[in-house]
């Protein structure tokens, strides 16, 4: 629970407090010098003790606070989308200076900007330690880090406010939201003949790459029998070979800021790309990802399949980019990479259908490619030009306007437009 309203942020200024304290002590000193007597001596003694107490608080105490932060139990560096983290902060204040309370303030940043702030009042135990526990709100995709934890308190008389902070660095990534895609009709068509993935899986041919040994099945050719394994086990064994992989999938993600006026539309595009990558891994199809922005970012099939550290960091932290390079050069680089993938199924994800996109789709078509164009919709969505949509159809590309991520499985598994 965020308790920022418990203690007012603005208190009496330090300069004013010092003036009041010095005035009290000087008055007691003059009273002792000019009046004398037991009463003035007692007042001066109490003022001296109070001054020592205040000075000790200014010199140490919470200024030397230390602590540590723990993010959940066994939490990894990558967190699923829409997660809520349990955070525990343990602080220790050295010395003897008595503190009636401590205000602990935590600040969580997303992409360098404040995302959440937790401020809570705690009290120190006999060992001068305290534990603050709280739960973050639902986290969106992004890169997160914690700023230095700040602590403040007042003395027993509420005159001086003392501050301290300690560094407990913590950073993590939140992965994009994904949906399960059971079927992608356009990618499961073989040269437009409508063969589904299940039939293709049954017809997959085996390569010459040996993958191990299996039990003999009636009908196996004599050349397939693994004689060494048969001799060792006394049971007929057959050689097992790798299957030839399916045609590759290319996911083209447009991250240019000019095409996404709303942050939510861009997040939908990232989530759609991540969902399609999961689909490709599930169906054992080599997948390549190309990001068009201020340059071309290319991820090969091995990187996408193994979910490498750099790929997951990019998927969590990629943001809209303002283009400085010429679009023609970026498209040329894209075609140089992608035209090696003959007959690839393409998923083009963008916030706007441009003439350069149509030219690239035409090049894919000439190389035997086909696929789906996902047009991400915002609140002020304007449909694409009908002529360009017809050009997509001529090049065996399905046009799908996508407003919400939850619609993606149904749209991909439905009839092509």
Protein backbone atom coordinates (compact mmCIF):
# COMPACT_ATOMS: atom_id res chain seq x y z
CA UNK A 1 0.00 0.00 0.00
CA UNK A 2 1.35 3.42 -0.90
CA UNK A 3 1.38 5.63 2.19
CA UNK A 4 2.67 8.86 0.73
CA UNK A 5 -0.10 10.81 2.47
CA UNK A 6 0.89 9.71 5.99
CA UNK A 7 3.62 12.30 6.53
CA UNK A 8 3.67 15.76 4.95
CA UNK A 9 6.54 16.27 2.57
CA UNK A 10 7.15 19.92 3.42
CA UNK A 11 8.23 20.69 6.92
CA UNK A 12 9.99 23.48 8.70
CA UNK A 13 13.12 24.61 6.86
CA UNK A 14 16.48 23.59 8.31
CA UNK A 15 17.70 27.19 8.38
CA UNK A 16 14.75 28.31 10.47
CA UNK A 17 15.20 25.39 12.86
CA UNK A 18 18.88 26.22 13.35
CA UNK A 19 18.04 29.86 14.06
CA UNK A 20 15.48 28.81 16.70
CA UNK A 21 17.90 26.35 18.35
CA UNK A 22 20.77 28.86 18.45
CA UNK A 23 18.42 31.51 19.81
CA UNK A 24 17.29 29.22 22.64
CA UNK A 25 20.85 28.30 23.59
CA UNK A 26 22.14 31.90 23.47
CA UNK A 27 19.21 33.06 25.62
CA UNK A 28 19.98 30.40 28.23
CA UNK A 29 23.68 31.31 28.15
CA UNK A 30 23.02 35.05 28.65
CA UNK A 31 20.52 34.28 31.38
CA UNK A 32 23.17 32.24 33.21
CA UNK A 33 25.89 34.89 32.73
CA UNK A 34 23.83 37.89 33.83
CA UNK A 35 21.39 36.33 36.29
CA UNK A 36 23.27 33.36 37.80
CA UNK A 37 21.71 30.98 40.29
CA UNK A 38 20.61 27.37 40.19
CA UNK A 39 17.69 27.95 37.83
CA UNK A 40 19.83 29.52 35.12
CA UNK A 41 22.48 26.79 35.56
CA UNK A 42 19.85 24.06 35.14
CA UNK A 43 18.42 25.74 32.04
CA UNK A 44 21.90 26.10 30.52
CA UNK A 45 22.70 22.45 31.32
CA UNK A 46 19.52 21.22 29.65
CA UNK A 47 20.13 23.47 26.64
CA UNK A 48 23.69 22.10 26.38
CA UNK A 49 22.49 18.51 26.50
CA UNK A 50 19.85 19.32 23.90
CA UNK A 51 22.50 20.93 21.67
CA UNK A 52 24.72 17.85 21.96
CA UNK A 53 21.76 15.66 21.05
CA UNK A 54 20.95 17.75 17.99
CA UNK A 55 24.57 17.92 16.85
CA UNK A 56 24.97 14.15 17.16
CA UNK A 57 21.90 13.70 15.01
CA UNK A 58 23.29 16.04 12.37
CA UNK A 59 26.66 14.26 12.33
CA UNK A 60 25.49 10.65 12.14
CA UNK A 61 22.51 8.42 12.63
CA UNK A 62 20.32 8.07 9.57
CA UNK A 63 22.93 9.71 7.35
CA UNK A 64 24.84 6.41 7.45
CA UNK A 65 21.81 4.21 6.79
CA UNK A 66 22.39 1.00 4.85
CA UNK A 67 20.10 -1.67 3.47
CA UNK A 68 19.30 -4.32 0.93
CA UNK A 69 16.40 -5.06 -1.38
CA UNK A 70 14.95 -8.47 -2.25
CA UNK A 71 12.66 -8.93 -5.27
CA UNK A 72 10.48 -11.98 -4.79
CA UNK A 73 11.67 -15.50 -4.13
CA UNK A 74 13.83 -16.95 -6.88
CA UNK A 75 12.93 -14.18 -9.33
CA UNK A 76 14.83 -14.23 -12.61
CA UNK A 77 16.02 -11.24 -14.61
CA UNK A 78 13.05 -11.63 -16.98
CA UNK A 79 9.52 -11.31 -15.64
CA UNK A 80 6.30 -12.25 -17.46
CA UNK A 81 3.99 -9.44 -18.49
CA UNK A 82 1.29 -8.32 -16.06
CA UNK A 83 3.32 -9.54 -13.10
CA UNK A 84 3.27 -8.06 -9.61
CA UNK A 85 6.49 -8.31 -7.64
CA UNK A 86 6.76 -8.77 -3.90
CA UNK A 87 9.50 -6.42 -2.71
CA UNK A 88 11.17 -6.49 0.71
CA UNK A 89 13.56 -3.76 1.86
CA UNK A 90 15.61 -4.19 5.01
CA UNK A 91 17.24 -1.04 6.45
CA UNK A 92 19.80 -0.67 9.24
CA UNK A 93 20.57 2.61 10.99
CA UNK A 94 23.91 2.52 12.87
CA UNK A 95 24.68 4.43 16.08
CA UNK A 96 22.61 5.24 19.12
CA UNK A 97 20.72 8.36 18.06
CA UNK A 98 17.03 7.67 18.90
CA UNK A 99 14.62 8.00 16.00
CA UNK A 100 10.86 7.94 16.62
CA UNK A 101 10.15 6.79 13.03
CA UNK A 102 11.74 6.48 9.61
CA UNK A 103 10.10 7.35 6.30
CA UNK A 104 11.35 5.01 3.56
CA UNK A 105 10.82 6.06 -0.04
CA UNK A 106 11.32 3.68 -2.99
CA UNK A 107 11.20 4.76 -6.63
CA UNK A 108 10.84 2.32 -9.55
CA UNK A 109 11.78 3.59 -13.00
CA UNK A 110 10.62 2.25 -16.37
CA UNK A 111 12.78 3.28 -19.32
CA UNK A 112 14.32 5.93 -17.07
CA UNK A 113 10.99 7.52 -16.08
CA UNK A 114 9.15 7.19 -12.79
CA UNK A 115 6.67 4.32 -12.91
CA UNK A 116 5.83 3.71 -9.24
CA UNK A 117 6.73 5.20 -5.87
CA UNK A 118 6.29 3.57 -2.48
CA UNK A 119 6.56 5.65 0.70
CA UNK A 120 5.94 4.07 4.08
CA UNK A 121 6.63 4.87 7.73
CA UNK A 122 8.51 2.20 9.70
CA UNK A 123 9.92 2.01 13.23
CA UNK A 124 13.27 0.58 14.25
CA UNK A 125 13.52 -2.47 16.48
CA UNK A 126 16.06 -3.07 19.28
CA UNK A 127 18.77 -3.87 16.71
CA UNK A 128 17.98 -0.60 14.86
CA UNK A 129 16.65 -2.42 11.82
CA UNK A 130 13.31 -2.29 10.03
CA UNK A 131 11.73 -4.18 7.16
CA UNK A 132 9.48 -2.63 4.51
CA UNK A 133 7.38 -4.99 2.40
CA UNK A 134 5.10 -4.03 -0.46
CA UNK A 135 3.78 -5.25 -3.79
CA UNK A 136 4.21 -3.44 -7.07
CA UNK A 137 1.28 -2.74 -9.41
CA UNK A 138 0.90 -4.76 -12.59
CA UNK A 139 4.02 -4.26 -14.66
CA UNK A 140 3.99 -3.46 -18.35
CA UNK A 141 6.61 -4.56 -20.85
CA UNK A 142 9.86 -2.71 -20.39
CA UNK A 143 13.19 -2.33 -18.63
CA UNK A 144 12.95 -1.45 -14.94
CA UNK A 145 15.46 -0.32 -12.34
CA UNK A 146 15.39 1.07 -8.82
CA UNK A 147 16.78 4.42 -7.79
CA UNK A 148 18.60 4.90 -4.48
CA UNK A 149 16.35 4.33 -1.49
CA UNK A 150 15.93 7.50 0.57
CA UNK A 151 15.13 7.63 4.29
CA UNK A 152 14.24 10.58 6.49
CA UNK A 153 13.20 11.15 10.08
CA UNK A 154 12.93 13.83 12.78
CA UNK A 155 14.43 14.06 16.22
CA UNK A 156 12.32 13.43 19.32
CA UNK A 157 11.33 17.09 19.50
CA UNK A 158 10.43 17.39 15.84
CA UNK A 159 12.81 20.29 15.26
CA UNK A 160 15.35 18.88 12.78
CA UNK A 161 14.71 16.56 9.86
CA UNK A 162 17.49 14.11 8.99
CA UNK A 163 18.00 12.48 5.61
CA UNK A 164 19.98 9.52 4.32
CA UNK A 165 20.03 7.17 1.34
CA UNK A 166 21.63 3.94 0.28
CA UNK A 167 22.21 2.22 -3.06
CA UNK A 168 20.74 -1.23 -3.62
CA UNK A 169 20.86 -1.59 -7.42
CA UNK A 170 18.23 -3.82 -8.97
CA UNK A 171 17.20 -4.10 -12.60
CA UNK A 172 14.93 -6.49 -14.46
CA UNK A 173 13.02 -6.88 -17.71
CA UNK A 174 9.31 -7.48 -18.24
CA UNK A 175 8.54 -9.54 -21.33
CA UNK A 176 5.71 -8.56 -23.71
CA UNK A 177 2.23 -9.99 -23.41
CA UNK A 178 1.59 -12.96 -25.69
CA UNK A 179 -1.39 -15.01 -26.79
CA UNK A 180 -1.45 -18.61 -27.92
CA UNK A 181 -1.89 -18.98 -31.69
CA UNK A 182 -3.06 -22.53 -32.47
CA UNK A 183 -3.24 -22.00 -36.23
CA UNK A 184 -2.01 -19.54 -38.83
CA UNK A 185 -3.80 -20.43 -42.04
CA UNK A 186 -1.72 -18.28 -44.35
CA UNK A 187 1.57 -19.77 -43.11
CA UNK A 188 0.24 -23.33 -43.23
CA UNK A 189 -0.65 -23.15 -46.90
CA UNK A 190 1.79 -24.82 -49.26
CA UNK A 191 2.05 -22.74 -52.42
CA UNK A 192 -1.54 -21.65 -51.92
CA UNK A 193 -2.95 -25.20 -52.12
CA UNK A 194 -4.36 -25.18 -48.59
CA UNK A 195 -2.30 -28.01 -47.04
CA UNK A 196 -2.52 -27.68 -43.29
CA UNK A 197 0.28 -28.11 -40.81
CA UNK A 198 -0.92 -31.50 -39.63
CA UNK A 199 -0.75 -32.98 -43.12
CA UNK A 200 2.63 -31.40 -43.70
CA UNK A 201 3.96 -32.90 -40.51
CA UNK A 202 2.95 -36.36 -41.69
CA UNK A 203 4.71 -35.82 -45.01
CA UNK A 204 7.96 -34.41 -43.69
CA UNK A 205 10.93 -36.08 -45.31
CA UNK A 206 13.94 -37.19 -43.35
CA UNK A 207 17.36 -35.69 -43.91
CA UNK A 208 20.69 -37.52 -43.90
CA UNK A 209 21.59 -36.15 -40.45
CA UNK A 210 21.68 -39.01 -37.92
CA UNK A 211 19.72 -38.14 -34.79
CA UNK A 212 19.99 -41.36 -32.74
CA UNK A 213 18.71 -44.91 -32.51
CA UNK A 214 15.15 -46.16 -32.10
CA UNK A 215 13.33 -49.48 -31.89
CA UNK A 216 12.95 -51.41 -35.11
CA UNK A 217 9.57 -50.93 -36.79
CA UNK A 218 8.19 -53.52 -39.17
CA UNK A 219 8.80 -52.29 -42.69
CA UNK A 220 12.10 -50.49 -42.01
CA UNK A 221 14.59 -50.96 -44.81
CA UNK A 222 17.64 -53.14 -44.23
CA UNK A 223 19.91 -50.13 -44.75
CA UNK A 224 18.31 -48.43 -41.75
CA UNK A 225 19.24 -51.13 -39.24
CA UNK A 226 21.91 -50.02 -36.79
CA UNK A 227 23.99 -53.19 -36.55
CA UNK A 228 26.30 -52.07 -33.73
CA UNK A 229 23.38 -51.18 -31.46
CA UNK A 230 21.62 -54.40 -32.44
CA UNK A 231 24.68 -56.46 -31.51
CA UNK A 232 25.04 -54.75 -28.13
CA UNK A 233 21.38 -55.04 -27.09
CA UNK A 234 20.39 -58.24 -28.89
CA UNK A 235 17.29 -56.40 -30.19
CA UNK A 236 16.86 -54.95 -33.66
CA UNK A 237 17.55 -51.21 -33.69
CA UNK A 238 17.01 -48.73 -36.50
CA UNK A 239 18.74 -45.48 -37.29
CA UNK A 240 16.78 -42.27 -36.70
CA UNK A 241 17.38 -39.20 -38.83
CA UNK A 242 16.43 -35.56 -38.42
CA UNK A 243 13.41 -34.38 -40.36
CA UNK A 244 13.74 -31.67 -42.90
CA UNK A 245 12.56 -28.41 -41.40
CA UNK A 246 9.45 -26.60 -42.53
CA UNK A 247 9.68 -23.48 -44.67
CA UNK A 248 10.98 -20.55 -42.60
CA UNK A 249 8.95 -17.74 -41.09
CA UNK A 250 10.01 -14.11 -41.33
CA UNK A 251 8.51 -11.60 -38.89
CA UNK A 252 8.97 -8.00 -40.04
CA UNK A 253 8.29 -5.54 -37.23
CA UNK A 254 8.07 -1.84 -38.08
CA UNK A 255 9.18 0.22 -35.06
CA UNK A 256 9.21 3.65 -36.71
CA UNK A 257 7.64 6.24 -34.42
CA UNK A 258 5.85 8.02 -37.26
CA UNK A 259 3.54 5.01 -37.75
CA UNK A 260 2.46 4.72 -34.09
CA UNK A 261 0.84 7.77 -32.58
CA UNK A 262 -0.21 5.83 -29.47
CA UNK A 263 1.96 3.80 -27.13
CA UNK A 264 -0.75 1.13 -26.79
CA UNK A 265 -0.73 0.48 -30.53
CA UNK A 266 3.03 -0.05 -30.46
CA UNK A 267 2.72 -2.46 -27.53
CA UNK A 268 0.13 -4.42 -29.52
CA UNK A 269 2.62 -4.69 -32.38
CA UNK A 270 5.39 -5.98 -30.07
CA UNK A 271 3.04 -8.50 -28.47
CA UNK A 272 1.87 -9.73 -31.89
CA UNK A 273 5.49 -10.30 -32.96
CA UNK A 274 6.29 -12.19 -29.74
CA UNK A 275 3.15 -14.31 -30.12
CA UNK A 276 4.06 -15.25 -33.69
CA UNK A 277 7.57 -16.16 -32.57
CA UNK A 278 6.06 -18.49 -29.96
CA UNK A 279 3.85 -20.00 -32.66
CA UNK A 280 6.88 -20.69 -34.86
CA UNK A 281 8.82 -22.35 -32.03
CA UNK A 282 5.83 -24.52 -31.16
CA UNK A 283 5.54 -25.68 -34.77
CA UNK A 284 9.30 -26.18 -35.12
CA UNK A 285 9.72 -23.70 -37.92
CA UNK A 286 12.91 -21.64 -38.26
CA UNK A 287 12.02 -18.02 -37.56
CA UNK A 288 13.79 -14.80 -38.44
CA UNK A 289 12.87 -11.38 -37.10
CA UNK A 290 13.63 -8.07 -38.82
CA UNK A 291 12.95 -4.76 -37.10
CA UNK A 292 12.66 -1.66 -39.31
CA UNK A 293 13.51 1.54 -37.48
CA UNK A 294 16.51 3.82 -37.46
CA UNK A 295 18.30 1.04 -39.30
CA UNK A 296 17.64 -2.67 -39.67
CA UNK A 297 17.84 -5.09 -36.72
CA UNK A 298 18.10 -8.73 -37.81
CA UNK A 299 17.69 -11.79 -35.59
CA UNK A 300 18.57 -15.18 -37.04
CA UNK A 301 16.68 -18.43 -36.50
CA UNK A 302 19.03 -19.88 -33.86
CA UNK A 303 18.80 -16.74 -31.73
CA UNK A 304 15.00 -16.67 -31.88
CA UNK A 305 14.70 -20.41 -31.21
CA UNK A 306 17.02 -20.42 -28.17
CA UNK A 307 15.65 -17.13 -26.80
CA UNK A 308 19.12 -15.74 -26.21
CA UNK A 309 19.76 -13.13 -23.54
CA UNK A 310 20.30 -10.31 -26.03
CA UNK A 311 17.11 -11.20 -27.92
CA UNK A 312 14.98 -11.21 -24.77
CA UNK A 313 16.48 -7.91 -23.66
CA UNK A 314 15.69 -6.38 -27.04
CA UNK A 315 12.14 -7.74 -27.04
CA UNK A 316 11.54 -6.23 -23.59
CA UNK A 317 13.19 -2.87 -24.19
CA UNK A 318 12.56 -2.07 -27.86
CA UNK A 319 10.78 1.24 -28.30
CA UNK A 320 9.57 3.51 -31.08
CA UNK A 321 12.44 4.98 -33.07
CA UNK A 322 12.60 8.22 -34.95
CA UNK A 323 14.16 7.48 -38.32
CA UNK A 324 17.21 9.35 -39.52
CA UNK A 325 18.30 7.04 -42.31
CA UNK A 326 16.59 6.92 -45.68
CA UNK A 327 13.80 4.34 -45.86
CA UNK A 328 15.06 3.10 -49.22
CA UNK A 329 18.38 2.01 -47.73
CA UNK A 330 16.64 0.14 -44.89
CA UNK A 331 14.34 -1.70 -47.30
CA UNK A 332 17.33 -2.61 -49.45
CA UNK A 333 19.07 -4.14 -46.43
CA UNK A 334 15.87 -6.00 -45.54
CA UNK A 335 15.61 -7.55 -48.99
CA UNK A 336 19.28 -8.53 -49.00
CA UNK A 337 18.69 -10.58 -45.84
CA UNK A 338 15.22 -11.94 -46.54
CA UNK A 339 15.50 -12.95 -50.18
CA UNK A 340 17.76 -15.80 -49.11
CA UNK A 341 14.68 -17.32 -47.43
CA UNK A 342 13.03 -18.69 -50.52
CA UNK A 343 9.35 -19.48 -50.00
CA UNK A 344 9.23 -18.02 -46.51
CA UNK A 345 5.95 -17.20 -44.76
CA UNK A 346 6.06 -13.50 -43.87
CA UNK A 347 4.26 -11.72 -41.04
CA UNK A 348 4.54 -7.98 -41.60
CA UNK A 349 3.51 -5.95 -38.53
CA UNK A 350 3.16 -2.20 -38.88
CA UNK A 351 1.07 0.79 -37.90
CA UNK A 352 0.63 1.89 -41.49
CA UNK A 353 0.63 0.39 -44.98
CA UNK A 354 3.09 2.39 -47.10
CA UNK A 355 4.13 2.23 -50.73
CA UNK A 356 7.56 0.92 -49.70
CA UNK A 357 5.82 -1.94 -47.91
CA UNK A 358 3.99 -2.88 -51.11
CA UNK A 359 7.26 -2.89 -53.04
CA UNK A 360 8.86 -5.17 -50.46
CA UNK A 361 5.85 -7.50 -50.53
CA UNK A 362 6.16 -7.64 -54.30
CA UNK A 363 9.78 -8.74 -53.94
CA UNK A 364 8.76 -11.45 -51.48
CA UNK A 365 6.14 -12.67 -53.92
CA UNK A 366 8.66 -12.92 -56.75
CA UNK A 367 10.90 -15.01 -54.47
CA UNK A 368 8.02 -17.40 -53.69
CA UNK A 369 7.06 -15.77 -50.40
CA UNK A 370 3.55 -15.29 -49.01
CA UNK A 371 2.10 -14.21 -45.70
CA UNK A 372 0.01 -11.80 -43.65
CA UNK A 373 0.09 -8.04 -43.22
CA UNK A 374 -1.02 -7.03 -39.70
CA UNK A 375 -2.16 -3.41 -39.69
CA UNK A 376 -2.15 -2.24 -36.07
CA UNK A 377 -5.08 0.01 -35.22
CA UNK A 378 -5.13 2.89 -32.78
CA UNK A 379 -8.05 4.88 -31.43
CA UNK A 380 -7.85 7.21 -34.46
CA UNK A 381 -7.37 4.32 -36.87
CA UNK A 382 -7.75 5.09 -40.56
CA UNK A 383 -8.15 2.11 -42.91
CA UNK A 384 -5.50 1.48 -45.50
CA UNK A 385 -5.95 2.47 -49.11
CA UNK A 386 -8.12 -0.08 -50.95
CA UNK A 387 -5.77 -0.14 -53.91
CA UNK A 388 -2.87 -1.13 -51.68
CA UNK A 389 -4.97 -3.81 -50.00
CA UNK A 390 -5.79 -5.27 -53.42
CA UNK A 391 -2.09 -5.25 -54.27
CA UNK A 392 -1.42 -7.30 -51.14
CA UNK A 393 -4.01 -9.84 -52.27
CA UNK A 394 -2.40 -10.14 -55.69
CA UNK A 395 0.90 -10.91 -53.99
CA UNK A 396 -0.61 -13.67 -51.79
CA UNK A 397 -0.62 -11.53 -48.66
CA UNK A 398 -3.57 -11.53 -46.28
CA UNK A 399 -4.52 -8.09 -44.93
CA UNK A 400 -5.64 -8.06 -41.27
CA UNK A 401 -6.46 -4.89 -39.29
CA UNK A 402 -5.66 -5.65 -35.64
CA UNK A 403 -7.00 -3.53 -32.79
CA UNK A 404 -6.57 -5.83 -29.78
CA UNK A 405 -4.09 -8.60 -29.20
CA UNK A 406 -6.80 -11.05 -28.08
CA UNK A 407 -8.27 -10.95 -31.61
CA UNK A 408 -5.06 -12.25 -33.19
CA UNK A 409 -5.63 -16.05 -32.89
CA UNK A 410 -9.11 -15.83 -34.40
CA UNK A 411 -8.01 -13.55 -37.23
CA UNK A 412 -5.02 -15.68 -38.17
CA UNK A 413 -7.01 -18.90 -37.98
CA UNK A 414 -9.97 -17.61 -39.92
CA UNK A 415 -10.54 -17.27 -43.62
CA UNK A 416 -8.10 -15.19 -45.60
CA UNK A 417 -9.28 -11.81 -46.89
